[in-house]
Amino acid sequence: METQLFKWPDHLPWIRRSDQPLSSEGRIQLLYFWSINCPHCEELTKDVLQSVNQLGINVTCVHVPYTEEEKSIDVVSTYAEEKNITAPIILDQDYEIVTKYKVQGLPSFCLMDEEGQLVDRKMGDTGWEKILKKLEKQS
């Protein structure tokens, strides 16, 4: 895949801000693109978070709003609390991260290597299964 070193946009709001850079000493990172009004995301989120926790993978949830209401940090915070999402969440209000990583649908996953370079990008349920297999091999 192409090299796409990336830095978190400083102006975007966070819920449980990640102090982890996209490149973490010797650790890969998963970006999980989701939305509170995405039924497939709702089905997958618990599995995604449990799996990465068990494997010791850094994950950052990138919330992609479907509506103006979803741009509210309060709306996303309430949802995250109700669903027990404890991973860091960045709100991609203006679709900057989505654009950078060419995300075309939700849920989507971007796997970053230790240097913060994009090594894989997948979408949907089957995409998650493929990413998970790759994560299991690497851990």
Protein backbone atom coordinates (compact mmCIF):
# COMPACT_ATOMS: atom_id res chain seq x y z
CA MET A 1 0.00 0.00 0.00
CA GLU A 2 1.06 3.58 -0.45
CA THR A 3 2.87 5.43 2.31
CA GLN A 4 0.42 7.64 4.17
CA LEU A 5 2.04 9.02 7.29
CA PHE A 6 -0.60 10.97 9.12
CA LYS A 7 -0.89 13.17 12.16
CA TRP A 8 -4.15 13.62 14.10
CA PRO A 9 -5.76 16.96 13.19
CA ASP A 10 -5.39 19.13 16.31
CA HIS A 11 -8.75 20.87 15.89
CA LEU A 12 -10.94 17.74 15.92
CA PRO A 13 -12.76 16.86 19.16
CA TRP A 14 -11.94 13.69 21.10
CA ILE A 15 -13.69 11.47 23.59
CA ARG A 16 -10.93 9.91 25.74
CA ARG A 17 -8.21 11.48 23.63
CA SER A 18 -5.49 9.17 22.41
CA ASP A 19 -2.03 10.23 23.41
CA GLN A 20 -0.74 7.51 21.12
CA PRO A 21 0.75 8.75 17.89
CA LEU A 22 -0.27 6.78 14.81
CA SER A 23 3.17 5.26 15.03
CA SER A 24 3.72 3.53 18.36
CA GLU A 25 7.03 1.96 19.31
CA GLY A 26 6.81 -1.54 17.91
CA ARG A 27 3.00 -1.65 17.91
CA ILE A 28 0.54 -1.70 15.11
CA GLN A 29 -2.61 0.39 15.30
CA LEU A 30 -6.12 -0.08 14.00
CA LEU A 31 -8.34 2.78 12.93
CA TYR A 32 -11.99 1.78 13.20
CA PHE A 33 -14.30 4.02 11.16
CA TRP A 34 -17.89 3.90 12.42
CA SER A 35 -21.03 5.93 13.03
CA ILE A 36 -23.70 5.84 15.71
CA ASN A 37 -26.44 5.46 13.07
CA CYS A 38 -24.72 2.62 11.19
CA PRO A 39 -26.49 -0.69 11.95
CA HIS A 40 -23.50 -2.76 10.78
CA CYS A 41 -21.21 -0.72 13.03
CA GLU A 42 -23.49 -1.34 15.99
CA GLU A 43 -23.30 -5.09 15.35
CA LEU A 44 -19.51 -5.13 14.98
CA THR A 45 -18.28 -2.64 17.57
CA LYS A 46 -18.33 -4.95 20.60
CA ASP A 47 -16.49 -7.69 18.68
CA VAL A 48 -13.92 -5.27 17.29
CA LEU A 49 -13.13 -3.77 20.69
CA GLN A 50 -13.00 -7.14 22.46
CA SER A 51 -10.72 -8.62 19.80
CA VAL A 52 -8.20 -5.77 19.73
CA ASN A 53 -8.16 -5.69 23.54
CA GLN A 54 -7.39 -9.43 23.70
CA LEU A 55 -4.66 -9.06 21.07
CA GLY A 56 -3.16 -5.94 22.68
CA ILE A 57 -3.65 -3.81 19.56
CA ASN A 58 -3.96 -0.02 19.81
CA VAL A 59 -7.32 1.04 18.40
CA THR A 60 -8.71 4.47 17.73
CA CYS A 61 -12.36 4.79 16.82
CA VAL A 62 -12.93 7.40 14.13
CA HIS A 63 -16.54 8.56 14.34
CA VAL A 64 -17.93 9.54 10.93
CA PRO A 65 -21.17 11.53 11.23
CA TYR A 66 -24.09 10.65 8.98
CA THR A 67 -26.09 13.71 10.13
CA GLU A 68 -25.47 17.16 11.64
CA GLU A 69 -26.75 15.85 14.99
CA GLU A 70 -23.97 13.26 15.01
CA LYS A 71 -21.37 16.03 14.92
CA SER A 72 -22.28 16.76 18.55
CA ILE A 73 -19.69 15.50 21.00
CA ASP A 74 -22.49 15.10 23.57
CA VAL A 75 -24.50 12.82 21.26
CA VAL A 76 -21.48 10.63 20.49
CA SER A 77 -20.33 10.64 24.15
CA THR A 78 -23.75 9.49 25.34
CA TYR A 79 -23.84 6.72 22.75
CA ALA A 80 -20.29 5.61 23.63
CA GLU A 81 -21.19 5.49 27.31
CA GLU A 82 -24.38 3.51 26.66
CA LYS A 83 -22.47 1.01 24.50
CA ASN A 84 -19.48 0.88 26.87
CA ILE A 85 -17.02 2.02 24.22
CA THR A 86 -13.89 2.80 26.19
CA ALA A 87 -11.40 3.19 23.33
CA PRO A 88 -10.31 6.69 22.26
CA ILE A 89 -12.74 8.27 19.80
CA ILE A 90 -11.92 11.11 17.44
CA LEU A 91 -14.85 12.88 15.77
CA ASP A 92 -14.08 13.33 12.08
CA GLN A 93 -16.48 16.28 11.76
CA ASP A 94 -15.37 17.43 8.31
CA TYR A 95 -14.37 14.02 6.93
CA GLU A 96 -10.65 14.82 6.92
CA ILE A 97 -9.49 11.41 8.16
CA VAL A 98 -12.02 9.61 5.95
CA THR A 99 -10.70 11.52 2.95
CA LYS A 100 -7.05 10.92 3.83
CA TYR A 101 -7.57 7.15 4.04
CA LYS A 102 -10.06 6.96 1.15
CA VAL A 103 -12.78 5.37 3.29
CA GLN A 104 -15.83 4.73 1.12
CA GLY A 105 -18.27 3.10 3.53
CA LEU A 106 -18.86 2.10 7.12
CA PRO A 107 -17.70 0.23 9.02
CA SER A 108 -14.14 0.43 7.69
CA PHE A 109 -10.75 -0.48 9.07
CA CYS A 110 -7.27 0.85 8.41
CA LEU A 111 -4.30 -1.05 9.75
CA MET A 112 -1.19 1.00 10.46
CA ASP A 113 2.29 -0.42 10.97
CA GLU A 114 4.76 0.56 13.69
CA GLU A 115 5.89 3.59 11.68
CA GLY A 116 2.36 4.87 11.14
CA GLN A 117 2.12 3.75 7.53
CA LEU A 118 -1.09 2.33 6.11
CA VAL A 119 -0.60 -1.37 5.43
CA ASP A 120 -4.17 -2.53 4.88
CA ARG A 121 -7.65 -1.10 4.42
CA LYS A 122 -10.89 -3.10 4.51
CA MET A 123 -14.61 -2.42 4.73
CA GLY A 124 -17.61 -4.19 6.22
CA ASP A 125 -18.11 -7.47 8.06
CA THR A 126 -15.93 -9.52 5.73
CA GLY A 127 -13.29 -6.79 5.82
CA TRP A 128 -13.22 -7.04 9.61
CA GLU A 129 -12.77 -10.82 9.40
CA LYS A 130 -9.78 -10.36 7.06
CA ILE A 131 -8.22 -7.65 9.25
CA LEU A 132 -8.75 -9.81 12.35
CA LYS A 133 -6.96 -12.77 10.73
CA LYS A 134 -4.05 -10.50 9.87
CA LEU A 135 -3.97 -9.13 13.45
CA GLU A 136 -4.03 -12.64 14.92
CA LYS A 137 -1.07 -13.67 12.74
CA GLN A 138 0.94 -10.63 13.84
CA SER A 139 0.29 -11.00 17.56
